[in-house]
Amino acid sequence: MSIAKKFEKIFKGLLPAPFSIAVLLTFFTFILALFITQPKAEESHILQLLSYWEEGIWHPPLLVFAIQMMLMLVLGHVLALTKPINSLIEKGTSFCKNTANAAAIVTFFTLIVSLFNWGLGLIFGAIFARKVGEHANKNNIPINYPLIGASGYSGLMVWHGGISGSAPIKIAEEGHFLAEKMGVISQAETIFSTMNISVSIVLLIVLPLTMYYLGKKSKGSALPMQTLLENETVEIKGAEKIDHSKIMAYIFGGIILAFTFYKAFILPENISLNIITPNYINLVLLGLAIMMHSSFYNFLKGVDKAISGASGILIQFPLYFGIMGIMNHSGMVQIMSDFFVSISNQTTFPIFTFISAAIVNIFVPSGGGQWAVQGPIIVEAATQLGVSIPKSVMALAYGDQITNMLQPFWALPLLAITGLKVKEILPYTLILLLIGVVIFIGGLLVF
């Protein structure tokens, strides 16, 4: 535990708010480009770099990407707040008789949900952990609540290898911002590859067993808690009946889901995984969220609760796009790619990619933002070395997600819901991190 506290102290002392980090990285990239690149015309080098930065910020395909990621988080969060999901969680808590099996159950189902959608998995895990705490409090079951909270956060360690992973789903989309360099790569080669499926299965077995073991070794305590969700009575008048109409919600949500089914299984001549793109996932989430909330009113209430979680994407992604603009147009991508090529071979490059992505994620706590910055470098270097681009993309995905167990940026919603503090869950997430490093590097070496 003392090691975890040291880590917490170091990160608290060294890392400012994520927005400040994005600004500092912008300055760092700008100054680095100023010294290691040459102007391409007689124009001032500083003004040229500023124009590259501005071009990156407002690059249309990247802005589309930012909106897609925001919607994925918000709609996943909204879906987690529906009654069916809440009922599922309530049933799950009835099997949580002690810390050990509660930790294993919460971890396993949080991982499963997060492999489907990262926003849904994050809030699902947080609510599940909270409900377990309420269940233990109501039934006088002493549990290690911080361990349960860490279990609810475990999904952020697998999300980028799931079907909502930013990099894999983006490169499966026609016209993505690196399409000219690498083309379109189906999720059959990334998320549904033999390597990723094998790694995901190992994680689904090892991580719950690890949390079960930690639960066996830990001591529980009583929990003074209040109920998380409360019912609200609303007086409905006039046209407001439309807002509260179950029929309208079911019709509209049903049409959306029927159309997504048509697009996936009836329209194409050959059914394939190419249908899974950010837009398709968001359309499915939208239809599910509206239907499962059973009224527009409840759906919009859920959106109000969820929207604040996307503020970081809204304001930080453009800064990362600006960094990408500087790196791309100034020639920094080529310089860095040449460096990676010089120290790597076909075996070590995925490992170096994993390590570098893990480090970058500490400073750029966003899979989408990280892909915007690192993607061009990785694709260029992999092409020069003759390394599989899909494998390199998954190496980035693994590195990005592993240090979420160290960087608490995405834990903020969970901490707010559970009432826990970073220092309380960090000792356990660090253990998950160490186990994950072994599993991910093992997968990259074996396959």
Protein backbone atom coordinates (compact mmCIF):
# COMPACT_ATOMS: atom_id res chain seq x y z
CA MET A 1 0.00 0.00 0.00
CA SER A 2 2.89 2.36 0.73
CA ILE A 3 4.05 2.06 -2.92
CA ALA A 4 0.58 3.07 -4.11
CA LYS A 5 0.60 6.09 -1.81
CA LYS A 6 3.99 7.11 -3.20
CA PHE A 7 2.64 6.87 -6.74
CA GLU A 8 -0.37 8.95 -5.78
CA LYS A 9 1.82 11.63 -4.21
CA ILE A 10 4.09 11.74 -7.27
CA PHE A 11 1.20 12.09 -9.72
CA LYS A 12 -0.58 14.66 -7.56
CA GLY A 13 2.61 16.71 -7.35
CA LEU A 14 3.62 16.46 -11.01
CA LEU A 15 0.41 16.36 -13.04
CA PRO A 16 -1.88 19.39 -13.35
CA ALA A 17 -5.41 19.22 -14.79
CA PRO A 18 -5.74 17.39 -18.16
CA PHE A 19 -6.48 20.65 -20.01
CA SER A 20 -3.30 22.19 -18.63
CA ILE A 21 -1.39 19.11 -19.77
CA ALA A 22 -2.81 19.52 -23.28
CA VAL A 23 -1.69 23.17 -23.33
CA LEU A 24 1.80 22.27 -22.06
CA LEU A 25 2.10 19.52 -24.69
CA THR A 26 1.10 22.06 -27.34
CA PHE A 27 3.91 24.41 -26.22
CA PHE A 28 6.38 21.52 -26.05
CA THR A 29 5.48 20.29 -29.55
CA PHE A 30 5.65 23.82 -30.96
CA ILE A 31 9.09 24.53 -29.48
CA LEU A 32 10.42 21.10 -30.49
CA ALA A 33 9.20 21.63 -34.07
CA LEU A 34 10.80 25.06 -34.10
CA PHE A 35 14.22 23.55 -33.39
CA ILE A 36 14.21 20.22 -35.25
CA THR A 37 12.30 21.12 -38.42
CA GLN A 38 12.93 23.59 -41.21
CA PRO A 39 10.48 26.13 -42.70
CA LYS A 40 9.11 25.08 -46.08
CA ALA A 41 9.01 28.62 -47.48
CA GLU A 42 10.39 32.06 -46.88
CA GLU A 43 7.60 32.75 -44.41
CA SER A 44 8.48 33.00 -40.71
CA HIS A 45 8.89 29.52 -39.20
CA ILE A 46 6.84 30.55 -36.14
CA LEU A 47 3.93 31.79 -38.26
CA GLN A 48 4.13 28.66 -40.38
CA LEU A 49 3.89 26.41 -37.32
CA LEU A 50 0.98 28.46 -36.00
CA SER A 51 -0.84 27.96 -39.27
CA TYR A 52 -0.20 24.19 -39.05
CA TRP A 53 -1.59 24.24 -35.51
CA GLU A 54 -4.73 26.10 -36.57
CA GLU A 55 -5.23 23.80 -39.53
CA GLY A 56 -5.05 20.79 -37.21
CA ILE A 57 -7.56 22.21 -34.73
CA TRP A 58 -10.24 22.76 -37.36
CA HIS A 59 -9.46 19.73 -39.52
CA PRO A 60 -12.99 18.51 -40.43
CA PRO A 61 -12.40 14.72 -40.23
CA LEU A 62 -10.85 15.15 -36.77
CA LEU A 63 -13.73 17.31 -35.54
CA VAL A 64 -16.12 14.60 -36.71
CA PHE A 65 -14.02 12.12 -34.73
CA ALA A 66 -14.32 14.27 -31.59
CA ILE A 67 -18.12 14.43 -31.86
CA GLN A 68 -18.26 10.67 -32.43
CA MET A 69 -16.26 10.02 -29.25
CA MET A 70 -18.35 12.47 -27.23
CA LEU A 71 -21.56 10.77 -28.33
CA MET A 72 -20.12 7.35 -27.55
CA LEU A 73 -19.33 8.38 -23.97
CA VAL A 74 -22.58 10.27 -23.37
CA LEU A 75 -24.89 7.66 -24.92
CA GLY A 76 -23.09 4.86 -23.10
CA HIS A 77 -23.52 6.77 -19.84
CA VAL A 78 -27.20 7.42 -20.60
CA LEU A 79 -27.75 3.73 -21.31
CA ALA A 80 -26.18 2.83 -17.96
CA LEU A 81 -28.79 4.99 -16.20
CA THR A 82 -31.80 3.09 -17.60
CA LYS A 83 -34.09 0.95 -15.45
CA PRO A 84 -33.23 -2.35 -17.23
CA ILE A 85 -29.52 -1.85 -16.58
CA ASN A 86 -30.25 -0.80 -13.00
CA SER A 87 -32.41 -3.92 -12.51
CA LEU A 88 -29.62 -6.08 -13.89
CA ILE A 89 -27.22 -4.54 -11.40
CA GLU A 90 -29.68 -5.05 -8.54
CA LYS A 91 -29.89 -8.77 -9.39
CA GLY A 92 -26.12 -9.00 -9.53
CA THR A 93 -25.71 -7.50 -6.07
CA SER A 94 -27.79 -10.30 -4.54
CA PHE A 95 -24.90 -12.70 -5.26
CA CYS A 96 -22.36 -10.45 -3.55
CA LYS A 97 -22.17 -12.16 -0.17
CA ASN A 98 -18.64 -11.05 0.74
CA THR A 99 -15.75 -8.96 -0.54
CA ALA A 100 -14.12 -11.75 -2.55
CA ASN A 101 -17.06 -12.83 -4.69
CA ALA A 102 -18.35 -9.25 -4.96
CA ALA A 103 -14.98 -8.11 -6.36
CA ALA A 104 -14.88 -11.00 -8.84
CA ILE A 105 -18.48 -10.47 -9.99
CA VAL A 106 -18.16 -6.69 -10.37
CA THR A 107 -14.86 -7.07 -12.25
CA PHE A 108 -16.13 -9.75 -14.64
CA PHE A 109 -19.33 -7.97 -15.65
CA THR A 110 -17.64 -4.57 -15.84
CA LEU A 111 -15.08 -6.05 -18.25
CA ILE A 112 -17.83 -7.63 -20.37
CA VAL A 113 -19.83 -4.39 -20.61
CA SER A 114 -16.70 -2.29 -21.29
CA LEU A 115 -15.75 -4.52 -24.19
CA PHE A 116 -19.10 -3.50 -25.70
CA ASN A 117 -18.89 0.24 -24.95
CA TRP A 118 -16.43 2.18 -22.83
CA GLY A 119 -18.84 4.89 -21.64
CA LEU A 120 -21.44 2.29 -20.67
CA GLY A 121 -18.80 0.14 -18.95
CA LEU A 122 -17.42 3.05 -16.95
CA ILE A 123 -20.79 4.09 -15.51
CA PHE A 124 -22.07 0.51 -15.23
CA GLY A 125 -19.02 -0.42 -13.12
CA ALA A 126 -19.41 2.68 -10.95
CA ILE A 127 -23.11 2.09 -10.29
CA PHE A 128 -22.52 -1.64 -9.72
CA ALA A 129 -19.81 -0.90 -7.15
CA ARG A 130 -22.08 1.63 -5.44
CA LYS A 131 -25.00 -0.81 -5.38
CA VAL A 132 -22.79 -3.49 -3.85
CA GLY A 133 -21.86 -1.01 -1.14
CA GLU A 134 -25.53 -0.21 -0.49
CA HIS A 135 -26.38 -3.91 -0.43
CA ALA A 136 -23.61 -4.61 2.07
CA ASN A 137 -24.69 -1.69 4.24
CA LYS A 138 -28.34 -2.78 4.22
CA ASN A 139 -27.49 -6.38 5.11
CA ASN A 140 -24.66 -5.60 7.55
CA ILE A 141 -22.05 -7.29 5.36
CA PRO A 142 -18.52 -6.00 6.05
CA ILE A 143 -16.73 -5.45 2.71
CA ASN A 144 -13.61 -3.76 1.39
CA TYR A 145 -15.41 -1.00 -0.49
CA PRO A 146 -12.30 0.54 -2.16
CA LEU A 147 -11.51 -2.89 -3.67
CA ILE A 148 -15.05 -3.05 -5.05
CA GLY A 149 -14.61 0.47 -6.46
CA ALA A 150 -11.38 -0.60 -8.17
CA SER A 151 -13.25 -3.60 -9.60
CA GLY A 152 -15.82 -1.21 -11.07
CA TYR A 153 -13.03 0.75 -12.76
CA SER A 154 -11.35 -2.33 -14.27
CA GLY A 155 -13.26 -1.93 -17.56
CA LEU A 156 -11.06 1.02 -18.54
CA MET A 157 -8.25 -1.51 -18.81
CA VAL A 158 -9.89 -3.42 -21.68
CA TRP A 159 -12.09 -0.88 -23.48
CA HIS A 160 -9.68 -0.02 -26.32
CA GLY A 161 -9.61 -3.68 -27.28
CA GLY A 162 -13.42 -3.74 -27.41
CA ILE A 163 -15.83 -2.79 -30.17
CA SER A 164 -15.86 0.89 -29.13
CA GLY A 165 -12.06 1.23 -29.11
CA SER A 166 -11.21 4.60 -30.68
CA ALA A 167 -8.32 3.57 -32.93
CA PRO A 168 -9.67 0.23 -34.26
CA ILE A 169 -13.13 1.56 -35.07
CA LYS A 170 -11.76 4.73 -36.64
CA ILE A 171 -9.49 2.91 -39.09
CA ALA A 172 -12.47 0.73 -40.08
CA GLU A 173 -14.31 3.82 -41.32
CA GLU A 174 -14.20 5.03 -44.91
CA GLY A 175 -12.33 8.31 -45.28
CA HIS A 176 -10.69 8.36 -41.83
CA PHE A 177 -7.87 10.86 -41.44
CA LEU A 178 -5.10 8.32 -42.16
CA ALA A 179 -6.95 6.51 -44.95
CA GLU A 180 -4.54 7.74 -47.64
CA LYS A 181 -1.58 6.14 -45.83
CA MET A 182 -3.08 2.88 -44.59
CA GLY A 183 -6.47 2.39 -46.23
CA VAL A 184 -9.45 0.97 -44.35
CA ILE A 185 -8.80 -1.91 -41.93
CA SER A 186 -11.72 -4.05 -40.80
CA GLN A 187 -12.24 -4.89 -37.13
CA ALA A 188 -11.80 -8.51 -38.18
CA GLU A 189 -8.06 -7.71 -38.30
CA THR A 190 -7.94 -5.76 -35.03
CA ILE A 191 -10.64 -6.21 -32.38
CA PHE A 192 -11.78 -9.60 -33.65
CA SER A 193 -8.29 -10.87 -34.48
CA THR A 194 -7.08 -14.11 -32.92
CA MET A 195 -4.58 -12.15 -30.84
CA ASN A 196 -7.09 -9.72 -29.34
CA ILE A 197 -9.75 -12.36 -28.70
CA SER A 198 -7.14 -14.52 -26.93
CA VAL A 199 -5.87 -11.59 -24.86
CA SER A 200 -9.43 -10.58 -23.94
CA ILE A 201 -10.31 -14.12 -22.80
CA VAL A 202 -7.19 -14.28 -20.61
CA LEU A 203 -8.12 -10.91 -19.06
CA LEU A 204 -11.69 -12.08 -18.40
CA ILE A 205 -10.31 -15.05 -16.48
CA VAL A 206 -7.26 -13.63 -14.71
CA LEU A 207 -8.54 -10.22 -13.56
CA PRO A 208 -11.68 -11.45 -11.71
CA LEU A 209 -9.61 -14.23 -10.10
CA THR A 210 -7.04 -11.65 -9.01
CA MET A 211 -9.69 -9.42 -7.42
CA TYR A 212 -11.24 -12.51 -5.77
CA TYR A 213 -7.85 -13.35 -4.25
CA LEU A 214 -7.35 -9.77 -3.03
CA GLY A 215 -10.86 -9.86 -1.55
CA LYS A 216 -10.01 -13.03 0.36
CA LYS A 217 -6.94 -11.36 1.83
CA SER A 218 -8.60 -8.06 2.75
CA LYS A 219 -10.68 -7.00 5.70
CA GLY A 220 -14.11 -5.42 5.39
CA SER A 221 -15.81 -2.66 7.33
CA ALA A 222 -19.29 -1.20 7.72
CA LEU A 223 -20.35 1.47 5.21
CA PRO A 224 -22.40 4.55 6.13
CA MET A 225 -24.09 5.19 2.76
CA GLN A 226 -27.17 6.78 1.31
CA THR A 227 -29.23 5.40 -1.58
CA LEU A 228 -27.79 6.36 -4.96
CA LEU A 229 -30.96 6.67 -7.05
CA GLU A 230 -34.24 8.22 -6.01
CA ASN A 231 -37.60 8.13 -7.76
CA GLU A 232 -39.04 11.45 -8.89
CA THR A 233 -42.72 12.30 -9.25
CA VAL A 234 -43.52 14.65 -12.13
CA GLU A 235 -46.85 16.33 -12.87
CA ILE A 236 -47.63 15.94 -16.59
CA LYS A 237 -49.67 18.60 -18.40
CA GLY A 238 -50.88 19.07 -21.98
CA ALA A 239 -48.29 18.47 -24.69
CA GLU A 240 -45.84 17.23 -22.06
CA LYS A 241 -47.59 13.87 -22.49
CA ILE A 242 -45.52 13.44 -25.66
CA ASP A 243 -42.33 13.89 -23.62
CA HIS A 244 -43.45 11.14 -21.22
CA SER A 245 -45.05 8.85 -23.80
CA LYS A 246 -43.74 5.29 -23.76
CA ILE A 247 -45.32 4.64 -27.17
CA MET A 248 -43.41 7.53 -28.80
CA ALA A 249 -40.13 6.38 -27.26
CA TYR A 250 -40.66 2.79 -28.31
CA ILE A 251 -41.64 3.78 -31.87
CA PHE A 252 -38.74 6.17 -32.39
CA GLY A 253 -36.14 3.98 -30.68
CA GLY A 254 -37.54 0.90 -32.42
CA ILE A 255 -37.26 2.51 -35.87
CA ILE A 256 -33.62 3.38 -35.18
CA LEU A 257 -32.78 -0.15 -34.05
CA ALA A 258 -34.69 -1.70 -36.96
CA PHE A 259 -32.72 0.46 -39.38
CA THR A 260 -29.40 -0.57 -37.79
CA PHE A 261 -30.46 -4.22 -38.16
CA TYR A 262 -31.34 -3.59 -41.82
CA LYS A 263 -27.96 -1.96 -42.47
CA ALA A 264 -26.05 -4.81 -40.82
CA PHE A 265 -27.92 -7.92 -41.97
CA ILE A 266 -30.22 -7.16 -44.93
CA LEU A 267 -28.68 -4.36 -47.00
CA PRO A 268 -25.16 -5.75 -47.61
CA GLU A 269 -24.65 -8.61 -50.04
CA ASN A 270 -22.08 -10.09 -47.66
CA ILE A 271 -22.46 -9.60 -43.90
CA SER A 272 -19.17 -8.41 -42.41
CA LEU A 273 -17.66 -6.57 -39.46
CA ASN A 274 -17.03 -3.52 -41.67
CA ILE A 275 -20.44 -2.25 -40.53
CA ILE A 276 -19.02 -1.52 -37.06
CA THR A 277 -17.98 2.13 -37.26
CA PRO A 278 -18.31 4.99 -34.74
CA ASN A 279 -21.49 6.22 -36.43
CA TYR A 280 -23.07 2.76 -36.41
CA ILE A 281 -22.24 2.16 -32.73
CA ASN A 282 -23.68 5.55 -31.76
CA LEU A 283 -26.85 4.88 -33.74
CA VAL A 284 -27.35 1.58 -31.90
CA LEU A 285 -26.66 3.25 -28.53
CA LEU A 286 -29.14 6.04 -29.34
CA GLY A 287 -31.93 3.59 -30.20
CA LEU A 288 -31.25 1.43 -27.13
CA ALA A 289 -31.04 4.39 -24.77
CA ILE A 290 -34.34 5.91 -25.93
CA MET A 291 -36.19 2.59 -25.77
CA MET A 292 -34.76 1.53 -22.42
CA HIS A 293 -35.51 4.92 -20.83
CA SER A 294 -39.09 4.44 -22.15
CA SER A 295 -39.70 8.19 -22.62
CA PHE A 296 -38.01 11.21 -24.13
CA TYR A 297 -38.20 12.91 -20.74
CA ASN A 298 -36.21 10.21 -18.97
CA PHE A 299 -33.77 10.00 -21.88
CA LEU A 300 -33.06 13.75 -21.72
CA LYS A 301 -32.67 13.57 -17.94
CA GLY A 302 -30.04 10.94 -18.52
CA VAL A 303 -28.33 13.13 -21.12
CA ASP A 304 -28.24 16.03 -18.64
CA LYS A 305 -26.49 13.81 -16.10
CA ALA A 306 -24.07 12.37 -18.64
CA ILE A 307 -23.10 15.40 -20.71
CA SER A 308 -20.60 16.85 -18.24
CA GLY A 309 -18.46 13.74 -18.62
CA ALA A 310 -17.80 14.66 -22.26
CA SER A 311 -16.50 18.17 -21.52
CA GLY A 312 -12.91 16.96 -21.55
CA ILE A 313 -13.29 15.56 -25.07
CA LEU A 314 -14.99 18.72 -26.33
CA ILE A 315 -12.30 21.13 -25.17
CA GLN A 316 -9.16 18.96 -25.21
CA PHE A 317 -9.45 17.05 -28.48
CA PRO A 318 -8.99 20.18 -30.65
CA LEU A 319 -5.73 20.90 -28.82
CA TYR A 320 -4.50 17.39 -29.60
CA PHE A 321 -5.58 17.87 -33.20
CA GLY A 322 -3.49 21.05 -33.25
CA ILE A 323 -0.49 19.06 -32.01
CA MET A 324 -1.11 16.56 -34.78
CA GLY A 325 -1.28 19.39 -37.32
CA ILE A 326 2.14 20.67 -36.24
CA MET A 327 3.67 17.19 -36.28
CA ASN A 328 2.26 16.23 -39.64
CA HIS A 329 2.95 19.36 -41.65
CA SER A 330 6.32 20.29 -40.10
CA GLY A 331 7.89 16.88 -40.78
CA MET A 332 8.08 15.77 -37.12
CA VAL A 333 6.12 12.61 -37.87
CA GLN A 334 8.76 11.48 -40.34
CA ILE A 335 11.59 12.35 -37.92
CA MET A 336 10.02 10.39 -35.07
CA SER A 337 9.12 7.50 -37.33
CA ASP A 338 12.73 7.27 -38.50
CA PHE A 339 13.81 7.16 -34.84
CA PHE A 340 11.46 4.27 -34.05
CA VAL A 341 12.63 2.45 -37.16
CA SER A 342 16.27 2.87 -36.11
CA ILE A 343 15.76 1.24 -32.70
CA SER A 344 13.18 -1.40 -33.65
CA ASN A 345 12.70 -4.56 -35.63
CA GLN A 346 9.57 -6.51 -36.54
CA THR A 347 9.51 -8.21 -33.13
CA THR A 348 10.29 -5.26 -30.86
CA PHE A 349 8.30 -2.54 -32.63
CA PRO A 350 4.88 -3.59 -31.19
CA ILE A 351 6.47 -3.71 -27.72
CA PHE A 352 7.97 -0.23 -28.11
CA THR A 353 4.60 0.98 -29.39
CA PHE A 354 2.87 -0.49 -26.33
CA ILE A 355 5.35 1.13 -23.92
CA SER A 356 5.27 4.53 -25.65
CA ALA A 357 1.45 4.49 -25.75
CA ALA A 358 1.32 3.64 -22.04
CA ILE A 359 3.55 6.62 -21.27
CA VAL A 360 1.72 9.01 -23.59
CA ASN A 361 -1.64 8.04 -22.04
CA ILE A 362 -0.48 9.44 -18.71
CA PHE A 363 -0.25 12.86 -20.35
CA VAL A 364 -2.96 12.44 -23.01
CA PRO A 365 -5.70 10.53 -21.12
CA SER A 366 -7.87 9.92 -24.15
CA GLY A 367 -7.69 7.06 -26.62
CA GLY A 368 -9.04 9.24 -29.41
CA GLY A 369 -6.70 12.13 -28.68
CA GLN A 370 -3.78 9.74 -28.40
CA TRP A 371 -4.59 8.11 -31.73
CA ALA A 372 -4.66 11.56 -33.34
CA VAL A 373 -1.17 12.29 -32.00
CA GLN A 374 0.52 8.89 -32.20
CA GLY A 375 -1.36 7.31 -35.09
CA PRO A 376 0.58 8.96 -37.92
CA ILE A 377 3.92 8.07 -36.29
CA ILE A 378 2.99 4.44 -35.74
CA VAL A 379 1.58 3.93 -39.22
CA GLU A 380 4.64 5.49 -40.87
CA ALA A 381 7.13 3.47 -38.79
CA ALA A 382 5.19 0.21 -39.18
CA THR A 383 5.10 0.72 -42.94
CA GLN A 384 8.87 1.26 -43.11
CA LEU A 385 9.58 -1.79 -40.94
CA GLY A 386 7.07 -4.03 -42.68
CA VAL A 387 5.23 -4.66 -39.40
CA SER A 388 1.51 -5.48 -39.41
CA ILE A 389 -0.40 -2.20 -39.08
CA PRO A 390 -3.43 -3.87 -37.39
CA LYS A 391 -1.11 -5.40 -34.76
CA SER A 392 0.62 -2.04 -34.28
CA VAL A 393 -2.76 -0.35 -33.79
CA MET A 394 -3.70 -2.92 -31.14
CA ALA A 395 -0.32 -2.41 -29.44
CA LEU A 396 -1.21 1.27 -29.15
CA ALA A 397 -4.67 0.34 -27.86
CA TYR A 398 -3.21 -1.94 -25.18
CA GLY A 399 -0.71 0.68 -24.05
CA ASP A 400 -3.35 3.40 -23.98
CA GLN A 401 -5.72 1.42 -21.79
CA ILE A 402 -3.22 -0.11 -19.35
CA THR A 403 -2.15 3.16 -17.71
CA ASN A 404 -5.76 4.14 -17.10
CA MET A 405 -5.12 2.10 -13.95
CA LEU A 406 -2.51 4.71 -13.03
CA GLN A 407 -3.98 7.91 -14.51
CA PRO A 408 -7.24 8.76 -12.68
CA PHE A 409 -8.72 11.07 -15.34
CA TRP A 410 -11.48 8.66 -16.40
CA ALA A 411 -12.03 7.54 -12.80
CA LEU A 412 -13.65 10.87 -11.95
CA PRO A 413 -17.23 9.74 -12.76
CA LEU A 414 -16.70 6.55 -10.75
CA LEU A 415 -15.29 8.45 -7.79
CA ALA A 416 -18.26 10.83 -7.85
CA ILE A 417 -20.78 7.95 -7.92
CA THR A 418 -19.06 5.75 -5.33
CA GLY A 419 -17.86 8.50 -3.01
CA LEU A 420 -14.35 7.00 -3.00
CA LYS A 421 -11.02 8.81 -3.40
CA VAL A 422 -8.22 8.08 -5.85
CA LYS A 423 -5.86 7.03 -3.07
CA GLU A 424 -8.37 4.38 -1.97
CA ILE A 425 -8.65 2.55 -5.30
CA LEU A 426 -5.10 3.14 -6.56
CA PRO A 427 -3.44 0.30 -4.59
CA TYR A 428 -5.69 -2.22 -6.34
CA THR A 429 -5.64 -0.68 -9.81
CA LEU A 430 -1.82 -0.73 -9.68
CA ILE A 431 -1.98 -4.50 -9.19
CA LEU A 432 -4.29 -4.75 -12.21
CA LEU A 433 -1.82 -2.65 -14.18
CA LEU A 434 1.12 -4.97 -13.42
CA ILE A 435 -0.87 -8.07 -14.36
CA GLY A 436 -2.12 -6.37 -17.53
CA VAL A 437 1.42 -5.47 -18.64
CA VAL A 438 2.38 -9.14 -18.52
CA ILE A 439 -0.73 -10.26 -20.42
CA PHE A 440 -0.54 -7.59 -23.12
CA ILE A 441 3.18 -7.94 -23.82
CA GLY A 442 2.78 -11.71 -23.78
CA GLY A 443 0.02 -11.44 -26.38
CA LEU A 444 2.12 -9.16 -28.61
CA LEU A 445 5.08 -11.57 -28.45
CA VAL A 446 3.10 -14.79 -28.95
CA PHE A 447 1.10 -13.52 -31.93
